[in-house]
N, C-alpha and C. Protein backbone atom coordinates (compact mmCIF):
# COMPACT_ATOMS: atom_id res chain seq x y z
N MET A 1 -213.53 38.28 -122.72
CA MET A 1 -213.87 39.24 -121.51
C MET A 1 -212.80 39.92 -120.85
N LEU A 2 -211.73 39.06 -120.81
CA LEU A 2 -210.64 39.59 -120.10
C LEU A 2 -210.02 40.86 -120.89
N ASN A 3 -210.26 40.80 -121.75
CA ASN A 3 -209.35 42.10 -122.93
C ASN A 3 -210.45 43.26 -122.80
N GLU A 4 -211.69 43.05 -122.47
CA GLU A 4 -212.74 43.97 -122.87
C GLU A 4 -212.58 44.97 -121.60
N HIS A 5 -211.91 44.59 -120.44
CA HIS A 5 -212.05 45.92 -119.21
C HIS A 5 -213.03 46.35 -118.81
N SER A 6 -214.55 45.96 -119.28
CA SER A 6 -215.46 46.68 -119.09
C SER A 6 -216.22 46.34 -117.68
N GLU A 7 -215.76 45.27 -117.20
CA GLU A 7 -216.34 44.69 -115.85
C GLU A 7 -215.50 43.65 -115.26
N ALA A 8 -215.49 43.40 -114.02
CA ALA A 8 -215.11 42.32 -113.18
C ALA A 8 -215.23 41.02 -113.70
N LEU A 9 -214.22 40.50 -113.72
CA LEU A 9 -214.49 38.84 -114.48
C LEU A 9 -215.06 38.03 -113.07
N THR A 10 -216.07 37.70 -113.14
CA THR A 10 -216.85 37.14 -112.18
C THR A 10 -217.53 35.91 -112.60
N PHE A 11 -217.93 34.96 -111.98
CA PHE A 11 -218.94 33.89 -112.34
C PHE A 11 -220.20 34.44 -112.84
N THR A 12 -220.73 35.60 -112.36
CA THR A 12 -222.17 36.07 -112.97
C THR A 12 -221.80 36.50 -114.06
N ALA A 13 -220.70 37.34 -114.11
CA ALA A 13 -220.55 37.92 -115.50
C ALA A 13 -220.26 37.05 -116.66
N VAL A 14 -219.48 36.04 -116.49
CA VAL A 14 -219.50 34.69 -117.37
C VAL A 14 -220.62 33.97 -117.61
N ALA A 15 -221.38 33.87 -116.54
CA ALA A 15 -222.79 32.94 -116.78
C ALA A 15 -223.67 33.69 -117.76
N GLU A 16 -223.83 35.00 -117.34
CA GLU A 16 -224.49 36.06 -118.29
C GLU A 16 -224.35 36.02 -119.77
N ARG A 17 -222.94 36.18 -120.05
CA ARG A 17 -222.65 36.04 -121.40
C ARG A 17 -222.28 34.69 -122.13
N ALA A 18 -222.47 33.59 -121.14
CA ALA A 18 -222.59 32.40 -121.95
C ALA A 18 -223.99 31.83 -121.88
N PHE A 19 -224.91 32.35 -121.13
CA PHE A 19 -226.42 32.21 -121.05
C PHE A 19 -226.55 30.79 -120.55
N VAL A 20 -225.54 30.52 -119.33
CA VAL A 20 -225.60 29.52 -118.34
C VAL A 20 -225.94 29.97 -116.84
N ALA A 21 -226.08 29.20 -116.10
CA ALA A 21 -226.53 29.30 -114.80
C ALA A 21 -225.13 29.58 -114.03
N ARG A 22 -225.12 30.28 -113.32
CA ARG A 22 -223.85 30.68 -112.36
C ARG A 22 -223.38 29.27 -111.53
N GLN A 23 -224.42 28.58 -110.95
CA GLN A 23 -224.21 27.52 -110.47
C GLN A 23 -223.35 26.30 -111.32
N THR A 24 -223.86 26.37 -112.52
CA THR A 24 -223.03 25.48 -113.51
C THR A 24 -221.57 25.77 -113.67
N LEU A 25 -221.33 27.03 -113.67
CA LEU A 25 -219.85 27.33 -113.57
C LEU A 25 -219.28 26.83 -112.45
N TYR A 26 -220.05 27.04 -111.13
CA TYR A 26 -219.23 26.75 -109.80
C TYR A 26 -219.06 25.01 -109.93
N LYS A 27 -220.18 24.19 -110.22
CA LYS A 27 -220.11 22.99 -110.32
C LYS A 27 -218.92 22.64 -111.04
N HIS A 28 -218.58 23.21 -112.41
CA HIS A 28 -217.48 22.89 -113.18
C HIS A 28 -216.21 23.27 -112.65
N TRP A 29 -216.04 24.43 -112.31
CA TRP A 29 -214.94 24.94 -112.08
C TRP A 29 -214.43 25.16 -110.59
N GLY A 30 -215.47 25.56 -109.72
CA GLY A 30 -215.42 25.98 -108.42
C GLY A 30 -214.88 27.32 -108.01
N SER A 31 -213.98 27.64 -109.10
CA SER A 31 -213.56 29.23 -108.72
C SER A 31 -213.34 30.03 -109.97
N ILE A 32 -213.22 31.06 -110.01
CA ILE A 32 -212.98 32.01 -111.36
C ILE A 32 -211.39 31.66 -111.60
N GLU A 33 -210.71 31.59 -110.75
CA GLU A 33 -209.24 31.38 -110.95
C GLU A 33 -208.93 30.02 -111.78
N ASN A 34 -209.68 28.71 -111.42
CA ASN A 34 -209.84 27.67 -111.92
C ASN A 34 -210.20 27.82 -113.57
N LEU A 35 -211.10 28.40 -113.65
CA LEU A 35 -211.85 29.04 -114.94
C LEU A 35 -210.47 29.49 -115.88
N ILE A 36 -209.85 30.54 -115.05
CA ILE A 36 -208.93 31.14 -116.19
C ILE A 36 -207.67 30.25 -116.32
N ALA A 37 -207.24 29.56 -115.27
CA ALA A 37 -206.20 28.24 -115.49
C ALA A 37 -206.58 27.45 -116.82
N GLU A 38 -208.00 26.93 -116.71
CA GLU A 38 -208.12 26.03 -117.87
C GLU A 38 -208.33 26.49 -119.26
N THR A 39 -208.80 27.89 -119.01
CA THR A 39 -209.00 28.83 -120.33
C THR A 39 -207.44 28.62 -121.25
N VAL A 40 -206.46 28.84 -120.01
CA VAL A 40 -204.94 28.88 -120.85
C VAL A 40 -204.76 27.75 -121.30
N VAL A 41 -205.09 26.39 -120.71
CA VAL A 41 -205.13 25.32 -121.07
C VAL A 41 -205.47 25.00 -122.22
N VAL A 42 -206.82 25.25 -122.49
CA VAL A 42 -207.57 25.01 -123.50
C VAL A 42 -206.72 25.65 -124.92
N ALA A 43 -206.27 26.88 -124.86
CA ALA A 43 -205.54 27.29 -126.01
C ALA A 43 -204.25 26.52 -126.17
N ARG A 44 -204.59 25.52 -127.11
CA ARG A 44 -203.29 24.57 -127.14
C ARG A 44 -202.35 25.08 -128.07
N VAL A 45 -201.28 24.52 -127.55
CA VAL A 45 -200.00 24.96 -128.64
C VAL A 45 -199.67 24.10 -129.65
N GLY A 46 -200.44 24.23 -130.54
CA GLY A 46 -200.33 23.33 -131.79
C GLY A 46 -200.98 21.87 -131.64
N ASN A 47 -201.08 21.27 -132.59
CA ASN A 47 -201.57 19.94 -132.43
C ASN A 47 -200.29 19.00 -132.73
N ASP A 48 -200.64 17.68 -131.97
CA ASP A 48 -199.27 17.04 -131.71
C ASP A 48 -198.68 16.62 -133.36
N THR A 49 -199.47 16.55 -134.36
CA THR A 49 -198.78 16.45 -135.71
C THR A 49 -197.73 17.10 -135.97
N ASP A 50 -198.34 18.73 -135.67
CA ASP A 50 -197.35 19.97 -135.97
C ASP A 50 -196.05 19.53 -135.71
N TYR A 51 -195.59 18.89 -134.52
CA TYR A 51 -194.37 18.77 -134.20
C TYR A 51 -193.62 17.45 -134.66
N GLU A 52 -194.42 16.61 -135.58
CA GLU A 52 -193.65 15.44 -135.96
C GLU A 52 -192.42 15.81 -137.30
N GLY A 53 -191.47 15.06 -136.84
CA GLY A 53 -190.49 15.16 -137.71
C GLY A 53 -189.54 16.31 -137.48
N LEU A 54 -189.69 17.18 -136.48
CA LEU A 54 -188.84 18.36 -135.81
C LEU A 54 -187.86 17.74 -135.05
N THR A 55 -186.75 18.58 -135.04
CA THR A 55 -185.76 18.56 -133.96
C THR A 55 -186.16 19.00 -132.65
N THR A 56 -185.65 18.78 -131.59
CA THR A 56 -185.93 19.07 -130.38
C THR A 56 -185.98 20.67 -130.27
N GLN A 57 -184.68 21.48 -130.97
CA GLN A 57 -184.78 22.78 -130.83
C GLN A 57 -186.09 23.29 -131.66
N GLN A 58 -186.26 22.59 -132.98
CA GLN A 58 -187.38 23.19 -133.71
C GLN A 58 -188.78 23.06 -132.88
N LYS A 59 -189.01 21.86 -132.06
CA LYS A 59 -190.39 21.91 -131.41
C LYS A 59 -190.32 22.86 -130.23
N THR A 60 -189.27 23.03 -129.58
CA THR A 60 -189.33 23.85 -128.62
C THR A 60 -189.38 25.49 -128.92
N LEU A 61 -189.03 25.72 -130.11
CA LEU A 61 -189.15 26.94 -130.82
C LEU A 61 -190.58 27.28 -131.15
N MET A 62 -191.43 26.26 -131.89
CA MET A 62 -192.64 26.37 -132.28
C MET A 62 -193.46 26.62 -131.10
N PHE A 63 -193.13 25.54 -130.02
CA PHE A 63 -193.91 25.76 -128.72
C PHE A 63 -193.90 27.08 -127.99
N LEU A 64 -192.52 27.77 -127.73
CA LEU A 64 -192.52 29.01 -127.08
C LEU A 64 -193.19 30.07 -127.81
N GLU A 65 -193.18 29.85 -129.43
CA GLU A 65 -193.88 31.05 -130.19
C GLU A 65 -194.94 31.12 -130.00
N ARG A 66 -195.60 29.95 -130.08
CA ARG A 66 -197.10 29.69 -130.05
C ARG A 66 -198.03 30.15 -128.58
N LEU A 67 -197.02 29.86 -127.64
CA LEU A 67 -197.53 30.11 -126.22
C LEU A 67 -197.46 31.98 -126.20
N GLY A 68 -196.11 32.36 -126.80
CA GLY A 68 -196.42 33.81 -126.75
C GLY A 68 -197.41 34.46 -127.58
N GLU A 69 -197.73 33.87 -128.68
CA GLU A 69 -198.87 34.33 -129.54
C GLU A 69 -200.11 34.05 -128.88
N GLN A 70 -200.40 33.01 -127.96
CA GLN A 70 -201.73 32.68 -127.53
C GLN A 70 -202.30 33.28 -126.23
N ILE A 71 -201.10 33.68 -125.85
CA ILE A 71 -201.79 34.42 -124.40
C ILE A 71 -201.67 36.05 -124.70
N ASP A 72 -202.84 36.45 -124.87
CA ASP A 72 -202.97 37.84 -124.83
C ASP A 72 -203.08 38.36 -123.58
N ALA A 73 -203.04 39.74 -123.89
CA ALA A 73 -202.63 40.82 -122.50
C ALA A 73 -203.96 40.67 -121.59
N GLY A 74 -205.03 40.31 -121.85
CA GLY A 74 -205.91 40.07 -120.85
C GLY A 74 -205.99 38.87 -120.12
N MET A 75 -205.40 37.89 -120.95
CA MET A 75 -204.98 36.56 -120.08
C MET A 75 -203.69 36.64 -119.33
N ALA A 76 -202.70 37.34 -119.77
CA ALA A 76 -201.40 37.58 -118.96
C ALA A 76 -201.72 38.12 -117.81
N SER A 77 -202.59 39.26 -117.97
CA SER A 77 -202.95 39.89 -116.41
C SER A 77 -203.86 39.06 -115.65
N ALA A 78 -204.59 38.18 -116.15
CA ALA A 78 -205.41 37.30 -115.45
C ALA A 78 -204.14 36.12 -114.57
N ILE A 79 -203.36 35.79 -115.31
CA ILE A 79 -202.44 34.91 -115.09
C ILE A 79 -201.57 35.79 -113.70
N ALA A 80 -201.05 36.92 -113.96
CA ALA A 80 -200.13 37.53 -113.03
C ALA A 80 -201.20 37.70 -111.89
N ALA A 81 -202.70 38.12 -111.74
CA ALA A 81 -203.31 38.15 -110.60
C ALA A 81 -203.49 36.79 -109.90
N ILE A 82 -203.54 35.54 -110.38
CA ILE A 82 -203.48 34.23 -109.85
C ILE A 82 -202.01 34.19 -109.21
N ILE A 83 -201.05 34.33 -109.81
CA ILE A 83 -199.58 34.19 -109.21
C ILE A 83 -199.61 35.13 -107.98
N ALA A 84 -200.05 36.22 -108.23
CA ALA A 84 -200.05 37.16 -106.94
C ALA A 84 -200.71 36.84 -105.77
N ALA A 85 -201.90 35.94 -106.00
CA ALA A 85 -202.93 35.59 -104.88
C ALA A 85 -202.31 34.47 -104.40
N ALA A 86 -201.65 33.65 -105.19
CA ALA A 86 -201.11 32.13 -104.72
C ALA A 86 -200.56 32.20 -103.46
N SER A 87 -200.10 33.01 -103.14
CA SER A 87 -199.30 32.78 -101.84
C SER A 87 -200.16 32.97 -100.56
N TYR A 88 -201.41 33.26 -100.78
CA TYR A 88 -202.15 33.36 -99.63
C TYR A 88 -203.65 32.89 -99.84
N GLU A 89 -203.89 32.89 -100.92
CA GLU A 89 -205.24 32.29 -101.28
C GLU A 89 -205.33 30.72 -102.12
N PRO A 90 -205.85 30.01 -101.61
CA PRO A 90 -205.77 28.51 -101.90
C PRO A 90 -206.40 28.29 -103.15
N ASP A 91 -207.52 29.07 -103.80
CA ASP A 91 -208.15 28.66 -104.97
C ASP A 91 -207.04 29.25 -105.94
N SER A 92 -206.35 30.42 -105.96
CA SER A 92 -205.44 30.65 -106.58
C SER A 92 -204.09 29.78 -106.80
N ARG A 93 -203.85 29.17 -105.53
CA ARG A 93 -202.68 28.09 -105.70
C ARG A 93 -203.12 27.05 -106.04
N ARG A 94 -204.22 26.75 -106.15
CA ARG A 94 -204.55 25.45 -106.84
C ARG A 94 -204.59 25.59 -108.40
N ALA A 95 -205.12 26.88 -108.80
CA ALA A 95 -205.20 27.23 -110.14
C ALA A 95 -204.10 27.26 -110.67
N LEU A 96 -202.99 27.78 -110.09
CA LEU A 96 -201.87 28.05 -110.54
C LEU A 96 -200.91 26.75 -110.64
N GLY A 97 -201.40 25.52 -110.09
CA GLY A 97 -200.74 24.28 -109.93
C GLY A 97 -201.25 23.33 -111.04
N LYS A 98 -202.34 23.84 -111.42
CA LYS A 98 -203.09 23.13 -112.41
C LYS A 98 -202.71 24.01 -113.57
N LEU A 99 -202.25 24.91 -113.67
CA LEU A 99 -201.94 25.94 -114.73
C LEU A 99 -200.51 25.06 -115.34
N ASP A 100 -199.57 25.11 -114.05
CA ASP A 100 -198.32 24.61 -114.27
C ASP A 100 -198.39 22.90 -114.95
N THR A 101 -199.15 22.41 -114.15
CA THR A 101 -199.51 20.74 -114.70
C THR A 101 -199.58 20.52 -116.11
N SER A 102 -200.89 21.58 -116.25
CA SER A 102 -201.35 21.37 -117.89
C SER A 102 -200.36 21.87 -119.17
N LEU A 103 -199.45 22.99 -118.59
CA LEU A 103 -198.36 23.62 -119.64
C LEU A 103 -197.30 22.32 -119.64
N PHE A 104 -196.92 21.81 -118.45
CA PHE A 104 -195.93 20.65 -118.28
C PHE A 104 -196.34 19.64 -119.07
N ASP A 105 -197.41 19.04 -119.28
CA ASP A 105 -197.94 17.95 -119.89
C ASP A 105 -198.22 18.40 -121.44
N MET A 106 -198.65 19.55 -121.43
CA MET A 106 -198.62 20.01 -123.34
C MET A 106 -197.13 20.06 -123.75
N PHE A 107 -196.14 20.52 -122.92
CA PHE A 107 -194.86 20.59 -123.52
C PHE A 107 -194.04 19.46 -123.47
N ARG A 108 -194.41 18.36 -122.70
CA ARG A 108 -193.92 16.99 -122.77
C ARG A 108 -194.67 16.01 -124.06
N SER A 109 -195.84 16.31 -124.29
CA SER A 109 -196.50 16.02 -125.69
C SER A 109 -196.08 16.52 -126.83
N SER A 110 -195.65 17.76 -126.76
CA SER A 110 -195.12 18.46 -127.78
C SER A 110 -193.86 18.47 -128.29
N VAL A 111 -192.88 18.40 -127.31
CA VAL A 111 -191.45 18.44 -127.49
C VAL A 111 -190.73 17.11 -127.14
N GLY A 112 -191.09 16.61 -126.11
CA GLY A 112 -190.42 15.40 -125.56
C GLY A 112 -190.59 15.13 -124.22
N PRO A 113 -189.95 14.05 -123.52
CA PRO A 113 -189.72 13.78 -122.16
C PRO A 113 -188.66 14.75 -121.89
N VAL A 114 -189.05 15.29 -120.62
CA VAL A 114 -188.32 16.25 -119.87
C VAL A 114 -188.95 16.30 -118.49
N THR A 115 -187.92 16.67 -117.48
CA THR A 115 -188.40 16.77 -116.09
C THR A 115 -189.06 18.11 -116.00
N HIS A 116 -189.49 18.05 -114.75
CA HIS A 116 -190.12 19.22 -114.38
C HIS A 116 -189.13 20.42 -114.12
N ASP A 117 -188.03 20.27 -113.71
CA ASP A 117 -187.00 21.28 -113.55
C ASP A 117 -186.65 22.01 -114.93
N GLN A 118 -186.24 20.93 -115.88
CA GLN A 118 -186.23 21.36 -117.09
C GLN A 118 -186.97 21.97 -117.88
N PHE A 119 -188.54 21.75 -117.66
CA PHE A 119 -189.26 22.51 -118.22
C PHE A 119 -189.40 23.65 -117.53
N ILE A 120 -189.34 23.78 -116.33
CA ILE A 120 -189.00 25.11 -115.85
C ILE A 120 -188.03 26.05 -116.44
N GLU A 121 -187.04 25.67 -116.46
CA GLU A 121 -185.74 26.45 -116.91
C GLU A 121 -185.92 26.93 -118.42
N ILE A 122 -186.53 26.01 -119.08
CA ILE A 122 -187.13 26.48 -120.64
C ILE A 122 -188.13 27.33 -120.84
N VAL A 123 -189.31 27.19 -120.01
CA VAL A 123 -190.47 27.81 -120.22
C VAL A 123 -190.89 28.91 -119.31
N ALA A 124 -190.09 28.70 -118.12
CA ALA A 124 -190.47 29.97 -117.34
C ALA A 124 -190.01 31.35 -117.74
N PRO A 125 -188.66 31.30 -118.39
CA PRO A 125 -188.57 33.09 -118.95
C PRO A 125 -189.42 33.49 -119.66
N VAL A 126 -190.08 32.84 -120.79
CA VAL A 126 -190.95 33.13 -121.72
C VAL A 126 -192.52 33.28 -120.99
N MET A 127 -192.74 32.62 -120.08
CA MET A 127 -193.90 33.19 -119.34
C MET A 127 -193.98 34.41 -118.32
N TYR A 128 -192.69 34.29 -118.01
CA TYR A 128 -192.41 35.58 -117.03
C TYR A 128 -192.32 36.86 -117.93
N LEU A 129 -192.16 36.89 -119.04
CA LEU A 129 -192.12 38.03 -120.35
C LEU A 129 -193.58 38.31 -120.36
N ILE A 130 -194.17 37.11 -120.57
CA ILE A 130 -195.76 37.27 -121.00
C ILE A 130 -196.59 37.95 -119.97
N VAL A 131 -196.51 37.49 -118.98
CA VAL A 131 -196.90 37.78 -117.61
C VAL A 131 -196.76 39.41 -117.48
N SER A 132 -195.53 39.78 -117.38
CA SER A 132 -195.04 40.97 -117.26
C SER A 132 -195.35 41.87 -118.39
N GLY A 133 -195.88 41.41 -119.35
CA GLY A 133 -195.96 42.59 -120.48
C GLY A 133 -194.54 42.89 -121.13
N GLY A 134 -193.46 42.05 -121.02
CA GLY A 134 -192.35 42.32 -121.60
C GLY A 134 -192.43 41.58 -123.32
N GLU A 135 -191.37 41.74 -123.90
CA GLU A 135 -191.41 41.48 -125.30
C GLU A 135 -190.84 40.40 -125.45
N VAL A 136 -191.34 39.32 -126.13
CA VAL A 136 -190.93 37.75 -126.24
C VAL A 136 -190.25 37.97 -127.42
N THR A 137 -188.89 38.24 -127.48
CA THR A 137 -188.12 38.33 -128.92
C THR A 137 -187.88 37.01 -129.61
N PRO A 138 -187.75 36.90 -131.01
CA PRO A 138 -187.33 36.08 -131.62
C PRO A 138 -185.70 35.51 -131.05
N GLY A 139 -185.15 36.49 -130.59
CA GLY A 139 -183.62 36.18 -130.47
C GLY A 139 -183.56 35.32 -129.07
N LEU A 140 -184.31 35.74 -128.04
CA LEU A 140 -184.59 35.01 -126.56
C LEU A 140 -185.12 33.60 -126.91
N VAL A 141 -186.12 33.55 -127.86
CA VAL A 141 -186.84 32.11 -128.03
C VAL A 141 -185.77 31.23 -128.79
N ALA A 142 -185.20 31.72 -129.70
CA ALA A 142 -184.18 31.27 -130.30
C ALA A 142 -183.13 30.58 -129.23
N SER A 143 -182.79 31.68 -128.56
CA SER A 143 -181.61 30.95 -127.42
C SER A 143 -182.00 30.07 -126.53
N ILE A 144 -183.28 29.82 -126.07
CA ILE A 144 -184.00 29.09 -125.22
C ILE A 144 -184.12 27.67 -125.84
N ALA A 145 -184.65 27.77 -127.15
CA ALA A 145 -184.61 26.55 -128.13
C ALA A 145 -183.37 25.95 -128.01
N ASP A 146 -182.38 26.63 -128.41
CA ASP A 146 -180.93 26.15 -128.34
C ASP A 146 -180.31 25.47 -126.96
N ARG A 147 -180.86 26.01 -126.11
CA ARG A 147 -180.58 25.65 -124.57
C ARG A 147 -181.50 24.31 -124.55
N SER A 148 -182.89 24.26 -124.91
CA SER A 148 -183.61 23.14 -124.97
C SER A 148 -183.03 21.97 -125.51
N ALA A 149 -182.48 22.01 -126.58
CA ALA A 149 -181.74 21.17 -127.32
C ALA A 149 -180.50 20.31 -126.50
N GLN A 150 -179.81 21.28 -125.84
CA GLN A 150 -178.79 20.84 -125.22
C GLN A 150 -179.25 19.96 -124.20
N LEU A 151 -180.27 20.74 -123.24
CA LEU A 151 -180.68 19.75 -121.88
C LEU A 151 -181.35 18.56 -122.23
N LEU A 152 -182.01 18.51 -123.33
CA LEU A 152 -183.07 17.35 -123.58
C LEU A 152 -182.34 16.31 -124.76
N ASP A 153 -181.55 16.70 -125.36
CA ASP A 153 -180.83 15.76 -126.43
C ASP A 153 -179.63 14.99 -125.79
N ASN A 154 -179.21 15.16 -124.62
CA ASN A 154 -178.13 14.64 -124.06
C ASN A 154 -178.56 13.55 -123.08
């Protein structure tokens, strides 16, 4: 629905498309921002077994490439809107925190033990490019993956 640009993304529109009551959506997610944040999280960045036997550099490379592939233009636009509203809108702030926590947990389960600061250093440049509509180039991803190996293997 985010990529259709035919109507605003509201609980009413989602409920009609999903053939459920709008109250069901409110009960489960509470806000459209939470629904969007959880949708990004549901788009897993590979199975845990995909990462078995790989080096830290290879795991990071795979994670970042898949992240770039899974977040399409509509989702990137929705994330940008949540980021923009997070400074003054509590639902957006909570949704952004949920998105951060979920991606952090996914990164840790896919790549390995990492602090939140290290996660930000590794993933934030790619997320910035995705959300801003920039190109996530293979060279940039390889450079970040190399840096990840330096950070995490020491």
